[in-house]
Amino acid sequence: MPSIEIQVLEGVFDAEDKASIITRVTEAFGSVAGDTIARGTSVRILDVQSGAWGYAGNILTTEDALAMRAKG
């Protein structure tokens, strides 16, 4: 069945945030694919070490991601 992988910088989302992301992503996927497929969907959130992520040639840190998140 479907497998969805989400990568985030470590320290940006706590366990409660991650649980909410997993639930909501599964629900959103199910709204398109159907309930039967949603029930077989696997969602994983992988933490990437701060400084080990690049975007547009720039290195991102946990502090950068927290600042982005604070902006909403």
C-alpha atoms as a PDB file:
ATOM      1  CA  MET A   1       0.000   0.000   0.000  1.00  0.00           C
ATOM      2  CA  PRO A   2       1.084   3.644  -0.199  1.00  0.00           C
ATOM      3  CA  SER A   3       4.063   4.877   1.756  1.00  0.00           C
ATOM      4  CA  ILE A   4       4.515   8.590   2.442  1.00  0.00           C
ATOM      5  CA  GLU A   5       7.821   9.900   3.791  1.00  0.00           C
ATOM      6  CA  ILE A   6       8.199  13.386   5.235  1.00  0.00           C
ATOM      7  CA  GLN A   7      11.598  14.809   6.109  1.00  0.00           C
ATOM      8  CA  VAL A   8      11.911  17.651   8.626  1.00  0.00           C
ATOM      9  CA  LEU A   9      14.790  19.281  10.437  1.00  0.00           C
ATOM     10  CA  GLU A  10      15.339  17.852  13.907  1.00  0.00           C
ATOM     11  CA  GLY A  11      13.910  19.809  16.816  1.00  0.00           C
ATOM     12  CA  VAL A  12      11.262  21.677  14.830  1.00  0.00           C
ATOM     13  CA  PHE A  13       8.269  19.424  15.531  1.00  0.00           C
ATOM     14  CA  ASP A  14       7.532  17.649  18.809  1.00  0.00           C
ATOM     15  CA  ALA A  15       5.845  14.250  19.155  1.00  0.00           C
ATOM     16  CA  GLU A  16       2.363  15.802  19.292  1.00  0.00           C
ATOM     17  CA  ASP A  17       3.013  17.817  16.111  1.00  0.00           C
ATOM     18  CA  LYS A  18       4.268  14.702  14.336  1.00  0.00           C
ATOM     19  CA  ALA A  19       1.221  12.682  15.381  1.00  0.00           C
ATOM     20  CA  SER A  20      -1.018  15.421  13.991  1.00  0.00           C
ATOM     21  CA  ILE A  21       0.941  15.536  10.729  1.00  0.00           C
ATOM     22  CA  ILE A  22       0.679  11.756  10.324  1.00  0.00           C
ATOM     23  CA  THR A  23      -3.067  11.782  10.991  1.00  0.00           C
ATOM     24  CA  ARG A  24      -3.780  14.724   8.705  1.00  0.00           C
ATOM     25  CA  VAL A  25      -1.621  13.486   5.838  1.00  0.00           C
ATOM     26  CA  THR A  26      -3.302  10.087   6.005  1.00  0.00           C
ATOM     27  CA  GLU A  27      -6.744  11.732   6.010  1.00  0.00           C
ATOM     28  CA  ALA A  28      -5.838  14.018   3.094  1.00  0.00           C
ATOM     29  CA  PHE A  29      -4.485  11.116   1.063  1.00  0.00           C
ATOM     30  CA  GLY A  30      -7.552   9.058   1.888  1.00  0.00           C
ATOM     31  CA  SER A  31      -9.856  11.845   0.733  1.00  0.00           C
ATOM     32  CA  VAL A  32      -8.394  11.371  -2.740  1.00  0.00           C
ATOM     33  CA  ALA A  33      -7.529   7.655  -2.776  1.00  0.00           C
ATOM     34  CA  GLY A  34     -10.428   6.325  -0.695  1.00  0.00           C
ATOM     35  CA  ASP A  35     -10.845   4.879   2.783  1.00  0.00           C
ATOM     36  CA  THR A  36      -9.624   1.382   1.939  1.00  0.00           C
ATOM     37  CA  ILE A  37      -6.306   2.688   0.650  1.00  0.00           C
ATOM     38  CA  ALA A  38      -6.027   5.201   3.507  1.00  0.00           C
ATOM     39  CA  ARG A  39      -6.273   2.350   6.024  1.00  0.00           C
ATOM     40  CA  GLY A  40      -3.223   0.756   4.399  1.00  0.00           C
ATOM     41  CA  THR A  41      -1.196   3.953   4.124  1.00  0.00           C
ATOM     42  CA  SER A  42       2.118   4.249   5.958  1.00  0.00           C
ATOM     43  CA  VAL A  43       3.437   7.692   6.928  1.00  0.00           C
ATOM     44  CA  ARG A  44       6.941   8.203   8.301  1.00  0.00           C
ATOM     45  CA  ILE A  45       8.512  11.410   9.562  1.00  0.00           C
ATOM     46  CA  LEU A  46      12.294  11.439   9.394  1.00  0.00           C
ATOM     47  CA  ASP A  47      14.376  13.982  11.307  1.00  0.00           C
ATOM     48  CA  VAL A  48      17.307  15.442   9.383  1.00  0.00           C
ATOM     49  CA  GLN A  49      20.250  16.759  11.384  1.00  0.00           C
ATOM     50  CA  SER A  50      20.456  20.542  11.669  1.00  0.00           C
ATOM     51  CA  GLY A  51      22.847  21.855   9.014  1.00  0.00           C
ATOM     52  CA  ALA A  52      22.494  18.718   6.852  1.00  0.00           C
ATOM     53  CA  TRP A  53      19.769  20.212   4.655  1.00  0.00           C
ATOM     54  CA  GLY A  54      20.318  22.607   1.794  1.00  0.00           C
ATOM     55  CA  TYR A  55      17.765  24.786   0.022  1.00  0.00           C
ATOM     56  CA  ALA A  56      18.624  26.923  -3.003  1.00  0.00           C
ATOM     57  CA  GLY A  57      22.309  26.465  -2.175  1.00  0.00           C
ATOM     58  CA  ASN A  58      21.892  27.618   1.430  1.00  0.00           C
ATOM     59  CA  ILE A  59      22.394  25.474   4.520  1.00  0.00           C
ATOM     60  CA  LEU A  60      19.326  25.273   6.773  1.00  0.00           C
ATOM     61  CA  THR A  61      19.495  24.818  10.517  1.00  0.00           C
ATOM     62  CA  THR A  62      16.890  24.000  13.117  1.00  0.00           C
ATOM     63  CA  GLU A  63      16.935  27.665  14.133  1.00  0.00           C
ATOM     64  CA  ASP A  64      16.138  28.696  10.544  1.00  0.00           C
ATOM     65  CA  ALA A  65      13.202  26.279  10.386  1.00  0.00           C
ATOM     66  CA  LEU A  66      11.881  27.419  13.772  1.00  0.00           C
ATOM     67  CA  ALA A  67      12.011  31.036  12.547  1.00  0.00           C
ATOM     68  CA  MET A  68      10.087  30.057   9.392  1.00  0.00           C
ATOM     69  CA  ARG A  69       7.523  28.200  11.477  1.00  0.00           C
ATOM     70  CA  ALA A  70       7.071  31.217  13.775  1.00  0.00           C
ATOM     71  CA  LYS A  71       6.142  33.358  10.767  1.00  0.00           C
ATOM     72  CA  GLY A  72       3.180  31.051  10.151  1.00  0.00           C
END
